[in-house]
Protein backbone atom coordinates (compact mmCIF):
# COMPACT_ATOMS: atom_id res chain seq x y z
CA MET A 1 -27.96 -12.49 -13.33
CA ARG A 2 -27.41 -14.85 -16.26
CA ALA A 3 -28.92 -12.34 -18.69
CA ALA A 4 -26.67 -9.58 -17.37
CA TRP A 5 -23.63 -11.84 -17.64
CA ARG A 6 -24.51 -12.70 -21.24
CA ALA A 7 -24.98 -9.01 -22.00
CA GLU A 8 -21.50 -8.24 -20.66
CA LEU A 9 -20.02 -11.07 -22.72
CA SER A 10 -21.86 -9.71 -25.74
CA LYS A 11 -20.26 -6.30 -25.21
CA ILE A 12 -16.81 -7.86 -25.18
CA ALA A 13 -17.57 -9.92 -28.29
CA THR A 14 -19.00 -7.02 -30.29
CA VAL A 15 -16.62 -4.20 -29.36
CA ARG A 16 -13.54 -4.66 -31.51
CA GLY A 17 -11.10 -3.08 -29.10
CA GLN A 18 -12.19 -5.37 -26.28
CA TRP A 19 -11.99 -8.71 -28.07
CA VAL A 20 -8.80 -7.80 -29.91
CA ALA A 21 -7.21 -6.83 -26.59
CA ALA A 22 -8.33 -10.16 -25.08
CA ILE A 23 -6.72 -12.06 -27.97
CA LEU A 24 -3.48 -10.11 -27.62
CA ALA A 25 -3.49 -10.76 -23.87
CA THR A 26 -3.92 -14.47 -24.57
CA ALA A 27 -0.96 -14.46 -26.96
CA ALA A 28 1.33 -12.45 -24.67
CA MET A 29 2.60 -15.25 -22.42
CA PRO A 30 3.22 -17.97 -25.03
CA LEU A 31 5.03 -15.59 -27.35
CA THR A 32 7.24 -14.30 -24.53
CA SER A 33 7.96 -17.82 -23.28
CA LEU A 34 8.78 -18.89 -26.83
CA LEU A 35 11.25 -16.02 -27.12
CA VAL A 36 12.93 -17.03 -23.86
CA ALA A 37 13.09 -20.69 -24.90
CA THR A 38 14.55 -19.98 -28.34
CA THR A 39 17.25 -17.71 -26.90
CA ALA A 40 18.29 -20.39 -24.38
CA SER A 41 17.52 -18.05 -21.51
CA VAL A 42 15.85 -20.71 -19.35
CA GLY A 43 17.87 -21.26 -16.18
CA ALA A 44 19.56 -24.45 -15.10
CA GLY A 45 17.24 -26.89 -13.39
CA ALA A 46 14.20 -25.50 -15.16
CA THR A 47 11.58 -27.76 -16.69
CA ALA A 48 9.52 -27.33 -19.84
CA THR A 49 6.58 -26.40 -17.62
CA SER A 50 8.50 -23.72 -15.76
CA GLY A 51 9.87 -22.53 -19.09
CA ALA A 52 6.29 -22.12 -20.29
CA VAL A 53 5.56 -19.59 -17.54
CA THR A 54 8.66 -17.45 -18.01
CA GLY A 55 6.38 -15.03 -19.83
CA SER A 56 3.71 -15.08 -17.13
CA ILE A 57 4.37 -11.52 -15.97
CA VAL A 58 3.69 -10.25 -19.50
CA GLY A 59 0.47 -12.25 -19.64
CA LEU A 60 -0.59 -11.00 -16.23
CA LEU A 61 0.07 -7.41 -17.24
CA ALA A 62 -1.92 -7.91 -20.44
CA PHE A 63 -4.97 -9.36 -18.70
CA GLY A 64 -4.80 -6.85 -15.86
CA VAL A 65 -4.66 -3.93 -18.29
CA TRP A 66 -7.45 -5.49 -20.34
CA GLY A 67 -9.70 -5.79 -17.28
CA ALA A 68 -8.96 -2.23 -16.17
CA SER A 69 -9.64 -0.82 -19.64
CA LEU A 70 -12.78 -2.93 -19.94
CA ALA A 71 -14.40 -1.36 -16.89
CA ALA A 72 -12.94 2.15 -16.90
CA GLY A 73 -13.51 2.50 -20.64
CA GLU A 74 -17.26 2.48 -20.07
CA TYR A 75 -16.93 5.59 -17.95
CA GLY A 76 -14.67 7.24 -20.50
CA THR A 77 -17.18 6.68 -23.32
CA GLN A 78 -20.23 7.22 -21.07
CA THR A 79 -21.67 3.86 -22.13
CA ILE A 80 -21.90 3.05 -18.43
CA VAL A 81 -25.09 5.14 -18.42
CA VAL A 82 -26.73 2.60 -20.72
CA SER A 83 -25.52 -0.29 -18.56
CA LEU A 84 -26.86 1.33 -15.39
CA ALA A 85 -30.23 1.96 -17.03
CA THR A 86 -30.44 -1.56 -18.47
CA VAL A 87 -29.48 -3.31 -15.23
CA PRO A 88 -30.76 -1.10 -12.39
CA ARG A 89 -29.63 -3.52 -9.69
CA ARG A 90 -26.04 -2.43 -9.16
CA ALA A 91 -24.95 -5.62 -7.40
CA VAL A 92 -26.15 -7.70 -10.35
CA LEU A 93 -24.45 -5.40 -12.86
CA TYR A 94 -21.13 -5.45 -11.03
CA THR A 95 -21.21 -9.20 -10.48
CA ALA A 96 -21.98 -9.71 -14.17
CA LYS A 97 -19.00 -7.54 -15.17
CA ILE A 98 -16.70 -9.47 -12.86
CA ALA A 99 -18.07 -12.81 -14.06
CA ALA A 100 -17.74 -11.87 -17.74
CA ALA A 101 -14.16 -10.69 -17.28
CA ALA A 102 -13.33 -13.85 -15.31
CA THR A 103 -14.89 -16.03 -18.03
CA VAL A 104 -12.93 -14.43 -20.87
CA ALA A 105 -9.72 -14.33 -18.83
CA GLY A 106 -10.18 -17.95 -17.79
CA VAL A 107 -10.64 -19.19 -21.35
CA GLY A 108 -7.78 -17.00 -22.55
CA ALA A 109 -5.51 -18.19 -19.75
CA ILE A 110 -6.19 -21.86 -20.54
CA VAL A 111 -5.33 -21.27 -24.20
CA SER A 112 -2.32 -19.17 -23.19
CA ALA A 113 -0.84 -21.69 -20.75
CA THR A 114 -1.44 -24.65 -23.06
CA SER A 115 0.05 -22.84 -26.06
CA ALA A 116 3.07 -21.75 -24.05
CA LEU A 117 3.84 -25.30 -22.97
CA LEU A 118 3.39 -26.70 -26.48
CA LEU A 119 5.60 -24.01 -28.00
CA VAL A 120 8.36 -24.56 -25.44
CA LEU A 121 8.21 -28.33 -26.03
CA ALA A 122 8.34 -27.75 -29.79
CA VAL A 123 11.54 -25.71 -29.70
CA THR A 124 13.33 -27.61 -26.93
CA PRO A 125 15.61 -30.45 -28.11
CA PRO A 126 14.43 -33.88 -26.85
CA GLY A 127 15.94 -34.81 -23.50
CA ARG A 128 17.30 -31.35 -22.80
CA GLN A 129 14.73 -30.53 -20.11
CA PRO A 130 12.31 -32.64 -18.08
CA LEU A 131 8.61 -31.99 -18.63
CA GLY A 132 7.86 -31.00 -15.06
CA ASN A 133 4.28 -31.01 -13.82
CA PRO A 134 1.87 -29.52 -16.40
CA ALA A 135 -0.96 -29.65 -13.85
CA THR A 136 0.67 -26.71 -12.05
CA LEU A 137 -0.24 -24.53 -15.03
CA VAL A 138 -3.69 -24.35 -13.46
CA SER A 139 -2.10 -21.77 -11.18
CA VAL A 140 -1.51 -19.54 -14.21
CA VAL A 141 -5.19 -19.73 -15.09
CA LEU A 142 -6.35 -18.88 -11.58
CA VAL A 143 -3.87 -16.03 -11.14
CA MET A 144 -4.74 -14.51 -14.52
CA ILE A 145 -8.43 -14.61 -13.60
CA ALA A 146 -7.67 -12.92 -10.28
CA VAL A 147 -5.61 -10.20 -11.97
CA ALA A 148 -8.32 -9.55 -14.58
CA VAL A 149 -10.95 -9.27 -11.82
CA VAL A 150 -8.75 -6.83 -9.90
CA GLY A 151 -8.31 -4.85 -13.11
CA VAL A 152 -12.09 -4.53 -13.46
CA ALA A 153 -12.42 -3.46 -9.83
CA ILE A 154 -9.72 -0.80 -10.20
CA GLY A 155 -11.38 0.41 -13.39
CA VAL A 156 -14.68 0.85 -11.57
CA ILE A 157 -13.02 2.57 -8.61
CA THR A 158 -10.96 5.04 -10.65
CA ARG A 159 -13.35 5.49 -13.63
CA SER A 160 -10.27 6.54 -15.59
CA PRO A 161 -8.68 4.17 -18.15
CA THR A 162 -5.29 5.86 -17.84
CA MET A 163 -5.22 5.80 -14.05
CA ALA A 164 -6.60 2.27 -13.85
CA VAL A 165 -3.99 0.91 -16.28
CA ALA A 166 -1.20 2.75 -14.45
CA ILE A 167 -2.27 1.31 -11.08
CA VAL A 168 -2.42 -2.23 -12.47
CA VAL A 169 1.03 -1.96 -14.04
CA VAL A 170 2.58 -0.50 -10.89
CA ALA A 171 0.88 -3.07 -8.64
CA LEU A 172 2.25 -5.96 -10.72
CA LEU A 173 5.76 -4.66 -11.33
CA LEU A 174 6.63 -2.63 -8.26
CA PRO A 175 6.74 -5.36 -5.56
CA ARG A 176 9.62 -7.24 -7.15
CA ALA A 177 11.33 -4.18 -8.66
CA ALA A 178 11.40 -2.20 -5.42
CA GLY A 179 11.19 -5.07 -2.95
CA GLY A 180 14.41 -4.03 -1.22
CA LEU A 181 12.69 -0.90 0.06
CA LEU A 182 10.19 -2.99 2.02
CA GLY A 183 12.69 -4.30 4.56
CA ARG A 184 11.36 -7.25 6.54
CA LEU A 185 8.04 -7.02 4.72
CA GLN A 186 9.68 -7.87 1.40
CA PRO A 187 9.09 -11.67 1.42
CA TRP A 188 5.49 -11.15 2.58
CA VAL A 189 4.69 -8.65 -0.17
CA VAL A 190 6.83 -9.99 -3.02
CA GLY A 191 6.05 -13.60 -2.13
CA ALA A 192 2.31 -12.99 -2.46
CA SER A 193 2.52 -11.01 -5.70
CA PRO A 194 0.85 -12.76 -8.67
CA ASP A 195 3.95 -13.48 -10.75
CA THR A 196 5.86 -14.86 -7.76
CA VAL A 197 2.92 -17.02 -6.73
CA VAL A 198 2.96 -18.64 -10.17
CA THR A 199 6.72 -19.21 -9.97
CA GLN A 200 6.43 -20.77 -6.49
CA ILE A 201 3.66 -23.15 -7.54
CA VAL A 202 5.16 -24.22 -10.88
CA GLY A 203 8.69 -24.53 -9.49
CA GLY A 204 11.79 -25.19 -11.57
CA THR A 205 13.02 -21.62 -11.18
CA PRO A 206 14.83 -20.87 -7.90
CA LEU A 207 13.72 -17.82 -5.93
CA LEU A 208 15.68 -15.75 -3.47
CA THR A 209 14.71 -16.07 0.18
CA SER A 210 13.54 -12.46 0.07
CA GLN A 211 11.05 -13.41 -2.66
CA THR A 212 9.69 -16.57 -1.05
CA TYR A 213 6.55 -16.26 1.08
CA PRO A 214 7.55 -17.24 4.64
CA ALA A 215 4.29 -19.08 5.37
CA GLY A 216 4.59 -21.30 2.30
CA THR A 217 3.44 -21.43 -1.30
CA TRP A 218 -0.25 -22.11 -0.71
CA ALA A 219 -0.44 -19.45 1.97
CA ALA A 220 1.00 -17.04 -0.59
CA ALA A 221 -1.70 -18.05 -3.08
CA ALA A 222 -4.40 -17.67 -0.43
CA THR A 223 -3.11 -14.21 0.49
CA MET A 224 -3.18 -13.14 -3.15
CA VAL A 225 -6.77 -14.38 -3.52
CA LEU A 226 -7.83 -12.57 -0.34
CA VAL A 227 -6.33 -9.31 -1.59
CA ALA A 228 -8.05 -9.77 -4.96
CA GLY A 229 -11.34 -10.42 -3.16
CA ALA A 230 -10.92 -7.32 -1.02
CA LEU A 231 -10.27 -5.15 -4.08
CA ALA A 232 -13.25 -6.68 -5.89
CA SER A 233 -15.42 -5.86 -2.88
CA ALA A 234 -14.07 -2.29 -2.86
CA GLY A 235 -15.11 -1.98 -6.50
CA ALA A 236 -18.63 -3.11 -5.63
CA VAL A 237 -18.88 -0.56 -2.82
CA ALA A 238 -17.60 2.22 -5.10
CA LEU A 239 -20.18 1.43 -7.78
CA MET A 240 -23.10 1.25 -5.35
CA ARG A 241 -22.21 4.46 -3.52
CA ARG A 242 -21.52 6.56 -6.60
CA ASP A 243 -24.04 5.13 -9.01
CA GLY A 244 -26.56 3.53 -6.69
């Protein structure tokens, strides 16, 4: 398992498109949050910590798209054949892909969240905003890992980079954009969406009742993790049935 995980990390490190995309995904949130902070677009009652995650949706999109392209791209270039031959145990191969994506996304998310907070603090006049609770930025790391893992799973299921990327983008943006069409399900769906989970945990930015998970913040986070786990399991089943 460890050898397969290292091999997957080596692929990411040696394929220019993959590591460049990971770097860009890491930079997405802090740059967006910096833009919001410098244009004084942070709402009243916000903290420096909540200001740091104003660009979280961009970061989540970037890591989700990266994960989807990472997995589906192997099918597009047919390099998956080499991977299947090198690691004949499909469960080990899939777990290694998930673990490698989670490792890169986790490191990237830590750098991203830390950079975002430091940049917001650097451009915010002293005393203008309270610091908030920086420890809540751990939620950004966990959610970005979950989104990257889901991206990998969708990439394996679809085997098409274009379709996988489209599904990830729609899944992240549609709940809040079209939440009104969900009726009474809106707070349950929107409230458990990745971006909203981050906002609920970090705080500082008020949410509408229709966007707040009725069972509470941690229940929303647990629901999101369960959905991510279910999709990751679906990816494993797809790989074993098609390529087993």
